[in-house]
Amino acid sequence: MPKLYEKLQELVPQWRAERADILKNHGGEKLSDVTIAQAYGGMRGVKGMICDTSLVEPDKGLIIRGYPLLDIMELWPEQTFYLLLTGDIADEEIKADMIREFDKRSHVPEYVWDVLYAMPNDSHPMAMLNTAILVMEKESVFRQWYDKGATKDQYWIPTLEDSMTLLARLPAIAAGVYRIRYGKGDLIPWTPGLDWGANYANMLGIPDPEGSFAKLMRLYLHFHCDHEGGNVSANTCHTVGSALSDPYYAVSAGLNGLAGPLHGLANQECLNWVIETIDKFGGVPTEEQIEEYAFETLRAGKVIPGYGHAVLRVTDPRFSGFNIFGKQHLPNDPVFQTVDRVFTVVPKVLEAFSNERVKAGKNPIANFWPNVDAGSGALLYHYGLTEFSYYTVLFSVSRSMGMLSQLIWNRAVGTALTRPKSVGTKYLKKIIEK
């Protein structure tokens, strides 16, 4: 990994010096106060960790190393990973270097396929992916270095080695999971010289005569790469990695969190609702029909999947980017047309319904706008990737870039073992009594 390694050799001492200066001169400054509601509510909003790879601004959405997402939506995943780690956008020479590096590391050991083929036929694709990652742990360079007595300031180097190898193998493993689990035929080999996203698209075996599915895969992998450090997958990977577990352990743990329905299931639920809407009205519904069905859904005590976000208070820029792609490549697709029409109608419905709630003495709806999951599934569905339970695997391949870049950074600066203090209910009662 010559060029990326050289860049990090330059950056790591700067990161360490910056961290040491902040700790020495400002370590006593308070970041956050914590309420009892936050402690019970999953620590939402508590500022208690450092993540330099990306930021989610409520009024702007995802920002990667200072770049708003829609300003860099043309990046290929190789450039995305380089940006996450270094803060720089890789030029064509560095991008080509990254492609060559993934080529060299892309071979998946035969024992991985032996394990996957031995798993029950009805295994969940996420269980298959995470098992494949975990079974490769025996090859961890980090563990080899640690066992031989590597010093703390060297830890980032074997972590980078493991990260590059794992990323290089993930598209083949994920595509293999798809073909094995859903009976799609023989495995399709990696094509040397082809980029990470296009290789993944090709190995899935989805027909792509014009190459637009490969473009979607590049975009999808880029858009889902990172989302700060506090989401379940990133936070879990960080916590496990803080114990100096190697990247295979840490990423597998993070993706086990991503498999949870509250984290990685949303795009399936959104697509289901859109398809139900089409079925209900016998085709692409009119705006009036969508308004009617949206009110019906809300008044039945249900949510409209894909609308609202824990942090965002604007349209998710990832939704906007996918919407741009849809209008360019599949403007006449009925599922995409419905998604686009829902976007025109539903925010207004949510605002009106929120006003109804306020008049009834209930809490208003905080966010009327779509998140990424409101539209991403429709694009996959158009190209024939209709196995909903597989969608989280696609998310996982992408999110691994963010988890691994955060893990490398934390090893580089020597982040401490994660160990927050917990308190009991009796302790809270004493505080309340005071």
Protein backbone atom coordinates (compact mmCIF):
# COMPACT_ATOMS: atom_id res chain seq x y z
CA MET A 1 0.00 0.00 0.00
CA PRO A 2 2.76 2.46 -0.90
CA LYS A 3 0.94 5.76 -1.47
CA LEU A 4 -1.65 5.46 1.31
CA TYR A 5 0.99 4.15 3.73
CA GLU A 6 3.34 7.01 2.86
CA LYS A 7 0.58 9.56 3.40
CA LEU A 8 -0.30 8.10 6.79
CA GLN A 9 3.37 8.05 7.81
CA GLU A 10 3.24 11.81 7.27
CA LEU A 11 -0.08 12.35 9.05
CA VAL A 12 0.19 10.11 12.11
CA PRO A 13 2.83 12.21 13.92
CA GLN A 14 0.69 15.31 13.28
CA TRP A 15 -2.41 13.61 14.71
CA ARG A 16 -0.49 12.52 17.80
CA ALA A 17 0.96 15.97 18.40
CA GLU A 18 -2.45 17.62 18.00
CA ARG A 19 -4.07 15.14 20.39
CA ALA A 20 -1.32 15.56 22.98
CA ASP A 21 -1.62 19.35 22.83
CA ILE A 22 -5.40 19.27 23.28
CA LEU A 23 -5.15 16.86 26.22
CA LYS A 24 -2.38 18.84 27.89
CA ASN A 25 -3.84 22.31 27.53
CA HIS A 26 -7.60 21.70 27.37
CA GLY A 27 -8.21 18.27 28.90
CA GLY A 28 -10.26 19.70 31.76
CA GLU A 29 -12.82 21.47 29.61
CA LYS A 30 -16.34 20.05 29.70
CA LEU A 31 -17.85 18.60 26.52
CA SER A 32 -21.32 17.65 27.69
CA ASP A 33 -23.81 17.42 30.54
CA VAL A 34 -25.82 14.20 30.76
CA THR A 35 -29.44 13.99 31.83
CA ILE A 36 -31.20 10.99 33.32
CA ALA A 37 -33.34 10.84 30.16
CA GLN A 38 -30.19 10.55 28.03
CA ALA A 39 -28.81 7.81 30.26
CA TYR A 40 -32.04 5.85 29.85
CA GLY A 41 -32.35 6.80 26.18
CA GLY A 42 -29.24 5.12 24.80
CA MET A 43 -26.92 8.10 25.50
CA ARG A 44 -28.43 9.91 22.51
CA GLY A 45 -26.83 13.30 22.05
CA VAL A 46 -24.15 12.76 24.71
CA LYS A 47 -20.81 14.06 23.44
CA GLY A 48 -18.39 11.44 24.66
CA MET A 49 -16.16 10.23 21.81
CA ILE A 50 -13.95 11.64 19.05
CA CYS A 51 -14.54 10.92 15.36
CA ASP A 52 -12.64 12.87 12.69
CA THR A 53 -13.70 10.86 9.64
CA SER A 54 -17.18 12.34 9.24
CA LEU A 55 -19.76 14.59 10.83
CA VAL A 56 -23.56 14.68 10.56
CA GLU A 57 -24.87 18.23 10.81
CA PRO A 58 -28.64 18.43 11.53
CA ASP A 59 -29.10 21.14 8.90
CA LYS A 60 -26.62 19.79 6.32
CA GLY A 61 -26.36 16.01 6.56
CA LEU A 62 -23.24 13.91 6.08
CA ILE A 63 -19.93 15.74 5.79
CA ILE A 64 -16.86 13.61 5.07
CA ARG A 65 -13.62 15.21 6.25
CA GLY A 66 -15.06 18.67 5.70
CA TYR A 67 -16.65 17.91 2.31
CA PRO A 68 -20.49 18.00 2.09
CA LEU A 69 -21.54 14.70 0.54
CA LEU A 70 -23.21 16.08 -2.58
CA ASP A 71 -20.06 18.05 -3.41
CA ILE A 72 -18.11 14.79 -3.71
CA MET A 73 -20.77 12.37 -4.97
CA GLU A 74 -18.65 11.42 -7.99
CA LEU A 75 -15.90 9.83 -5.88
CA TRP A 76 -15.22 6.13 -6.30
CA PRO A 77 -15.02 4.02 -3.12
CA GLU A 78 -11.22 3.79 -3.39
CA GLN A 79 -11.13 7.58 -3.14
CA THR A 80 -13.69 7.53 -0.34
CA PHE A 81 -11.54 5.32 1.87
CA TYR A 82 -8.47 7.44 1.14
CA LEU A 83 -10.44 10.58 2.02
CA LEU A 84 -11.79 9.08 5.26
CA LEU A 85 -8.26 8.27 6.38
CA THR A 86 -6.25 11.23 5.14
CA GLY A 87 -8.61 14.15 4.58
CA ASP A 88 -7.40 14.40 0.98
CA ILE A 89 -9.23 13.46 -2.22
CA ALA A 90 -7.19 10.90 -4.12
CA ASP A 91 -6.16 11.93 -7.63
CA GLU A 92 -6.23 9.50 -10.56
CA GLU A 93 -2.74 8.20 -9.78
CA ILE A 94 -3.60 7.40 -6.17
CA LYS A 95 -6.95 5.92 -7.19
CA ALA A 96 -5.16 3.60 -9.62
CA ASP A 97 -2.70 2.69 -6.89
CA MET A 98 -5.59 1.78 -4.57
CA ILE A 99 -7.18 -0.38 -7.29
CA ARG A 100 -3.88 -2.23 -7.77
CA GLU A 101 -3.57 -2.71 -4.02
CA PHE A 102 -7.05 -4.23 -3.77
CA ASP A 103 -6.20 -6.46 -6.75
CA LYS A 104 -3.21 -7.89 -4.90
CA ARG A 105 -5.24 -8.62 -1.77
CA SER A 106 -8.55 -9.73 -3.29
CA HIS A 107 -8.14 -13.53 -3.18
CA VAL A 108 -10.54 -15.11 -0.69
CA PRO A 109 -9.09 -18.23 1.00
CA GLU A 110 -10.80 -21.48 0.05
CA TYR A 111 -11.63 -22.28 3.68
CA VAL A 112 -13.97 -19.27 3.71
CA TRP A 113 -16.04 -20.79 0.91
CA ASP A 114 -15.96 -24.17 2.68
CA VAL A 115 -17.51 -22.54 5.75
CA LEU A 116 -20.14 -20.61 3.78
CA TYR A 117 -21.21 -23.64 1.76
CA ALA A 118 -21.47 -25.65 5.01
CA MET A 119 -23.87 -23.20 6.63
CA PRO A 120 -27.61 -24.03 6.68
CA ASN A 121 -29.44 -23.11 3.48
CA ASP A 122 -31.72 -20.72 5.34
CA SER A 123 -28.94 -18.81 7.12
CA HIS A 124 -29.39 -15.06 7.12
CA PRO A 125 -26.99 -13.40 4.66
CA MET A 126 -25.69 -11.13 7.43
CA ALA A 127 -24.80 -14.17 9.56
CA MET A 128 -22.94 -15.58 6.56
CA LEU A 129 -21.02 -12.36 5.92
CA ASN A 130 -20.04 -11.90 9.56
CA THR A 131 -19.02 -15.55 9.90
CA ALA A 132 -16.79 -15.23 6.83
CA ILE A 133 -15.09 -12.17 8.31
CA LEU A 134 -14.57 -13.81 11.67
CA VAL A 135 -13.22 -17.06 10.24
CA MET A 136 -10.41 -15.08 8.53
CA GLU A 137 -9.19 -13.73 11.89
CA LYS A 138 -6.40 -16.31 11.96
CA GLU A 139 -4.69 -14.26 9.23
CA SER A 140 -4.63 -11.02 11.23
CA VAL A 141 -1.35 -9.18 10.80
CA PHE A 142 -2.19 -7.07 13.84
CA ARG A 143 -2.44 -10.14 16.05
CA GLN A 144 0.89 -11.45 14.67
CA TRP A 145 2.61 -8.13 15.37
CA TYR A 146 1.08 -7.87 18.84
CA ASP A 147 2.15 -11.42 19.74
CA LYS A 148 5.71 -10.57 18.67
CA GLY A 149 5.80 -7.51 20.93
CA ALA A 150 4.95 -4.58 18.64
CA THR A 151 5.09 -1.23 20.40
CA LYS A 152 1.99 0.94 20.84
CA ASP A 153 3.15 3.53 18.31
CA GLN A 154 3.31 0.79 15.65
CA TYR A 155 -0.21 -0.55 16.12
CA TRP A 156 -1.72 1.45 13.28
CA ILE A 157 0.56 -0.19 10.68
CA PRO A 158 -0.70 -3.80 11.00
CA THR A 159 -4.22 -2.41 11.52
CA LEU A 160 -3.90 -0.74 8.12
CA GLU A 161 -2.62 -4.02 6.66
CA ASP A 162 -5.59 -5.97 8.00
CA SER A 163 -7.99 -3.23 6.90
CA MET A 164 -6.78 -3.16 3.32
CA THR A 165 -6.93 -6.96 3.04
CA LEU A 166 -10.39 -7.14 4.58
CA LEU A 167 -11.73 -4.39 2.32
CA ALA A 168 -10.21 -6.06 -0.75
CA ARG A 169 -11.95 -9.36 0.06
CA LEU A 170 -15.32 -8.03 1.16
CA PRO A 171 -16.88 -7.54 -2.31
CA ALA A 172 -16.08 -11.13 -3.32
CA ILE A 173 -17.34 -12.52 -0.01
CA ALA A 174 -20.51 -10.43 -0.07
CA ALA A 175 -21.20 -11.36 -3.70
CA GLY A 176 -20.48 -15.00 -2.86
CA VAL A 177 -22.98 -14.86 0.00
CA TYR A 178 -25.58 -13.57 -2.47
CA ARG A 179 -24.95 -16.31 -5.02
CA ILE A 180 -24.78 -19.13 -2.43
CA ARG A 181 -27.71 -18.05 -0.29
CA TYR A 182 -30.13 -17.38 -3.15
CA GLY A 183 -29.04 -20.17 -5.51
CA LYS A 184 -27.64 -17.89 -8.22
CA GLY A 185 -25.07 -20.36 -9.55
CA ASP A 186 -21.29 -20.56 -9.43
CA LEU A 187 -19.14 -17.89 -7.85
CA ILE A 188 -17.92 -15.16 -10.20
CA PRO A 189 -14.22 -14.35 -9.81
CA TRP A 190 -12.66 -10.96 -9.17
CA THR A 191 -11.58 -9.15 -12.35
CA PRO A 192 -8.06 -7.69 -12.06
CA GLY A 193 -7.89 -4.02 -13.00
CA LEU A 194 -11.58 -3.42 -12.34
CA ASP A 195 -12.41 -1.05 -9.48
CA TRP A 196 -13.86 -2.10 -6.10
CA GLY A 197 -17.47 -1.07 -6.78
CA ALA A 198 -17.62 -2.40 -10.35
CA ASN A 199 -16.06 -5.69 -9.26
CA TYR A 200 -18.74 -6.07 -6.59
CA ALA A 201 -21.46 -5.37 -9.16
CA ASN A 202 -19.96 -7.83 -11.60
CA MET A 203 -19.51 -10.63 -9.03
CA LEU A 204 -23.15 -10.35 -7.96
CA GLY A 205 -24.06 -11.47 -11.48
CA ILE A 206 -26.72 -8.79 -12.04
CA PRO A 207 -27.09 -8.12 -15.82
CA ASP A 208 -25.54 -4.73 -16.57
CA PRO A 209 -25.15 -4.19 -20.31
CA GLU A 210 -24.80 -0.41 -20.03
CA GLY A 211 -22.71 -0.34 -16.85
CA SER A 212 -25.24 1.70 -14.88
CA PHE A 213 -25.54 -0.91 -12.12
CA ALA A 214 -21.78 -0.63 -11.55
CA LYS A 215 -22.24 3.14 -11.29
CA LEU A 216 -24.98 2.59 -8.70
CA MET A 217 -22.71 0.27 -6.69
CA ARG A 218 -19.95 2.88 -6.63
CA LEU A 219 -22.46 5.50 -5.48
CA TYR A 220 -24.10 3.20 -2.93
CA LEU A 221 -20.76 2.18 -1.39
CA HIS A 222 -19.64 5.80 -1.28
CA PHE A 223 -22.85 7.13 0.29
CA HIS A 224 -23.09 4.54 3.09
CA CYS A 225 -19.41 4.61 4.06
CA ASP A 226 -19.60 6.48 7.37
CA HIS A 227 -21.99 8.39 9.63
CA GLU A 228 -19.99 9.72 12.59
CA GLY A 229 -18.81 7.42 15.37
CA GLY A 230 -21.89 7.02 17.58
CA ASN A 231 -24.13 4.81 15.42
CA VAL A 232 -24.42 1.20 16.59
CA SER A 233 -22.04 -0.39 14.09
CA ALA A 234 -19.30 2.24 14.33
CA ASN A 235 -19.58 2.53 18.10
CA THR A 236 -19.50 -1.26 18.55
CA CYS A 237 -16.48 -1.62 16.28
CA HIS A 238 -14.76 1.19 18.20
CA THR A 239 -15.51 -0.38 21.60
CA VAL A 240 -14.30 -3.85 20.57
CA GLY A 241 -11.27 -2.36 18.84
CA SER A 242 -10.40 -0.33 21.94
CA ALA A 243 -9.60 -3.62 23.67
CA LEU A 244 -6.97 -4.14 20.89
CA SER A 245 -9.09 -6.81 19.25
CA ASP A 246 -7.90 -6.99 15.66
CA PRO A 247 -9.96 -5.62 12.73
CA TYR A 248 -11.56 -8.99 11.95
CA TYR A 249 -13.02 -9.22 15.45
CA ALA A 250 -13.95 -5.53 15.58
CA VAL A 251 -15.62 -5.27 12.16
CA SER A 252 -17.51 -8.52 12.62
CA ALA A 253 -18.81 -7.17 15.94
CA GLY A 254 -19.82 -3.86 14.36
CA LEU A 255 -21.66 -5.59 11.55
CA ASN A 256 -23.50 -7.79 14.02
CA GLY A 257 -24.91 -4.50 15.31
CA LEU A 258 -25.73 -3.36 11.79
CA ALA A 259 -27.76 -6.55 11.36
CA GLY A 260 -30.21 -5.33 14.00
CA PRO A 261 -33.58 -4.18 12.62
CA LEU A 262 -33.25 -0.75 14.25
CA HIS A 263 -29.99 -0.09 12.36
CA GLY A 264 -29.78 -1.85 9.00
CA LEU A 265 -33.33 -2.86 8.11
CA ALA A 266 -34.80 0.51 7.20
CA ASN A 267 -34.40 0.44 3.41
CA GLN A 268 -36.25 -2.89 3.24
CA GLU A 269 -39.17 -1.47 5.23
CA CYS A 270 -39.27 1.65 3.05
CA LEU A 271 -39.34 -0.35 -0.16
CA ASN A 272 -42.06 -2.60 1.23
CA TRP A 273 -44.25 0.43 1.93
CA VAL A 274 -43.72 1.82 -1.57
CA ILE A 275 -44.58 -1.52 -3.19
CA GLU A 276 -47.66 -1.84 -0.97
CA THR A 277 -48.71 1.62 -2.12
CA ILE A 278 -48.34 0.63 -5.78
CA ASP A 279 -50.29 -2.59 -5.19
CA LYS A 280 -53.04 -0.74 -3.33
CA PHE A 281 -53.68 1.61 -6.24
CA GLY A 282 -52.89 -0.76 -9.10
CA GLY A 283 -49.90 1.17 -10.39
CA VAL A 284 -48.01 4.39 -9.75
CA PRO A 285 -50.35 6.35 -7.48
CA THR A 286 -51.35 9.95 -8.04
CA GLU A 287 -50.31 12.62 -5.56
CA GLU A 288 -53.85 12.65 -4.19
CA GLN A 289 -53.78 8.89 -3.63
CA ILE A 290 -50.41 9.09 -1.87
CA GLU A 291 -51.74 11.85 0.37
CA GLU A 292 -54.77 9.73 1.23
CA TYR A 293 -52.69 6.62 2.00
CA ALA A 294 -50.10 8.58 3.99
CA PHE A 295 -52.79 10.06 6.26
CA GLU A 296 -54.35 6.60 6.58
CA THR A 297 -50.98 5.16 7.65
CA LEU A 298 -50.30 7.90 10.20
CA ARG A 299 -53.79 7.88 11.71
CA ALA A 300 -53.49 4.12 12.19
CA GLY A 301 -50.61 4.85 14.56
CA LYS A 302 -47.92 3.77 12.09
CA VAL A 303 -44.98 5.67 10.63
CA ILE A 304 -44.14 6.30 7.00
CA PRO A 305 -40.86 4.38 6.61
CA GLY A 306 -37.90 6.47 5.51
CA TYR A 307 -39.23 9.79 6.78
CA GLY A 308 -37.62 11.27 9.86
CA HIS A 309 -34.11 10.83 11.27
CA ALA A 310 -32.60 10.87 14.74
CA VAL A 311 -30.22 13.71 13.84
CA LEU A 312 -31.15 15.27 10.49
CA ARG A 313 -33.62 18.13 10.19
CA VAL A 314 -33.35 18.45 6.39
CA THR A 315 -33.60 16.08 3.44
CA ASP A 316 -30.78 13.55 3.76
CA PRO A 317 -28.25 14.46 1.04
CA ARG A 318 -27.83 10.75 0.37
CA PHE A 319 -31.52 10.59 -0.58
CA SER A 320 -31.01 13.61 -2.84
CA GLY A 321 -28.02 11.98 -4.51
CA PHE A 322 -29.88 8.74 -5.15
CA ASN A 323 -32.82 10.74 -6.48
CA ILE A 324 -30.48 12.45 -8.96
CA PHE A 325 -29.18 9.04 -10.05
CA GLY A 326 -32.72 7.70 -10.46
CA LYS A 327 -33.80 10.59 -12.66
CA GLN A 328 -30.71 10.07 -14.84
CA HIS A 329 -30.86 6.29 -15.21
CA LEU A 330 -34.39 5.01 -14.46
CA PRO A 331 -36.87 7.89 -14.75
CA ASN A 332 -39.67 5.64 -16.04
CA ASP A 333 -39.35 2.92 -13.40
CA PRO A 334 -42.68 2.73 -11.52
CA VAL A 335 -41.10 2.09 -8.12
CA PHE A 336 -38.72 5.02 -8.52
CA GLN A 337 -41.54 7.22 -9.82
CA THR A 338 -43.54 6.40 -6.70
CA VAL A 339 -40.57 7.18 -4.42
CA ASP A 340 -40.14 10.53 -6.17
CA ARG A 341 -43.85 11.31 -5.93
CA VAL A 342 -43.94 10.32 -2.24
CA PHE A 343 -41.12 12.83 -1.67
CA THR A 344 -43.31 15.54 -3.21
CA VAL A 345 -46.30 14.72 -1.01
CA VAL A 346 -45.30 13.17 2.31
CA PRO A 347 -43.39 16.08 3.92
CA LYS A 348 -46.54 18.20 3.54
CA VAL A 349 -48.68 15.43 5.00
CA LEU A 350 -46.34 15.05 7.96
CA GLU A 351 -46.44 18.77 8.62
CA ALA A 352 -50.25 18.77 8.55
CA PHE A 353 -50.42 15.68 10.74
CA SER A 354 -47.98 17.25 13.19
CA ASN A 355 -50.29 20.28 13.47
CA GLU A 356 -53.19 17.91 14.19
CA ARG A 357 -51.19 16.33 17.00
CA VAL A 358 -50.35 19.71 18.53
CA LYS A 359 -54.03 20.72 18.50
CA ALA A 360 -54.82 17.43 20.26
CA GLY A 361 -52.24 18.21 22.95
CA LYS A 362 -49.69 15.71 21.67
CA ASN A 363 -46.03 16.17 20.77
CA PRO A 364 -45.28 17.48 17.26
CA ILE A 365 -43.37 15.46 14.67
CA ALA A 366 -39.74 16.60 14.74
CA ASN A 367 -38.74 15.87 11.15
CA PHE A 368 -40.73 15.80 7.92
CA TRP A 369 -37.91 14.92 5.53
CA PRO A 370 -36.66 11.67 3.94
CA ASN A 371 -33.51 9.85 4.99
CA VAL A 372 -31.36 7.72 2.70
CA ASP A 373 -33.47 4.60 3.14
CA ALA A 374 -36.54 6.23 1.59
CA GLY A 375 -35.03 5.86 -1.86
CA SER A 376 -32.04 3.52 -1.97
CA GLY A 377 -34.02 0.26 -2.10
CA ALA A 378 -35.97 1.36 -5.16
CA LEU A 379 -32.77 1.65 -7.17
CA LEU A 380 -31.57 -1.83 -6.18
CA TYR A 381 -35.01 -3.25 -6.97
CA HIS A 382 -34.93 -1.76 -10.48
CA TYR A 383 -31.78 -3.68 -11.38
CA GLY A 384 -33.20 -6.99 -10.20
CA LEU A 385 -31.65 -7.13 -6.75
CA THR A 386 -34.99 -8.00 -5.16
CA GLU A 387 -33.88 -10.14 -2.21
CA PHE A 388 -34.67 -7.67 0.58
CA SER A 389 -32.84 -9.61 3.30
CA TYR A 390 -29.60 -9.06 1.38
CA TYR A 391 -29.74 -5.27 1.40
CA THR A 392 -28.02 -4.98 4.78
CA VAL A 393 -25.02 -6.85 3.34
CA LEU A 394 -24.58 -4.08 0.76
CA PHE A 395 -24.75 -1.54 3.59
CA SER A 396 -22.14 -3.57 5.49
CA VAL A 397 -19.58 -3.64 2.70
CA SER A 398 -19.79 0.14 2.50
CA ARG A 399 -19.88 0.87 6.23
CA SER A 400 -16.75 -1.25 6.73
CA MET A 401 -14.77 1.61 5.16
CA GLY A 402 -15.88 3.98 7.90
CA MET A 403 -15.38 1.50 10.73
CA LEU A 404 -11.89 0.57 9.54
CA SER A 405 -10.77 4.15 8.92
CA GLN A 406 -11.90 5.06 12.45
CA LEU A 407 -10.11 2.01 13.83
CA ILE A 408 -6.84 2.91 12.08
CA TRP A 409 -7.06 6.50 13.35
CA ASN A 410 -7.70 5.37 16.92
CA ARG A 411 -4.72 3.00 16.80
CA ALA A 412 -2.57 5.77 15.36
CA VAL A 413 -3.29 8.22 18.19
CA GLY A 414 -3.51 5.63 20.95
CA THR A 415 -7.15 6.00 21.99
CA ALA A 416 -7.84 4.48 25.38
CA LEU A 417 -9.93 1.42 26.24
CA THR A 418 -13.62 2.35 26.19
CA ARG A 419 -14.95 2.10 29.74
CA PRO A 420 -17.83 4.46 30.60
CA LYS A 421 -19.06 4.55 34.19
CA SER A 422 -22.49 3.08 34.85
CA VAL A 423 -24.79 3.85 37.77
CA GLY A 424 -27.79 2.07 39.23
CA THR A 425 -31.40 3.09 39.72
CA LYS A 426 -30.83 3.62 43.47
CA TYR A 427 -28.10 6.13 42.63
CA LEU A 428 -30.51 8.02 40.35
CA LYS A 429 -33.16 8.07 43.09
CA LYS A 430 -30.68 9.62 45.52
CA ILE A 431 -29.86 12.36 42.97
CA ILE A 432 -33.58 13.00 42.41
CA GLU A 433 -34.20 13.22 46.18
CA LYS A 434 -31.50 15.86 46.49
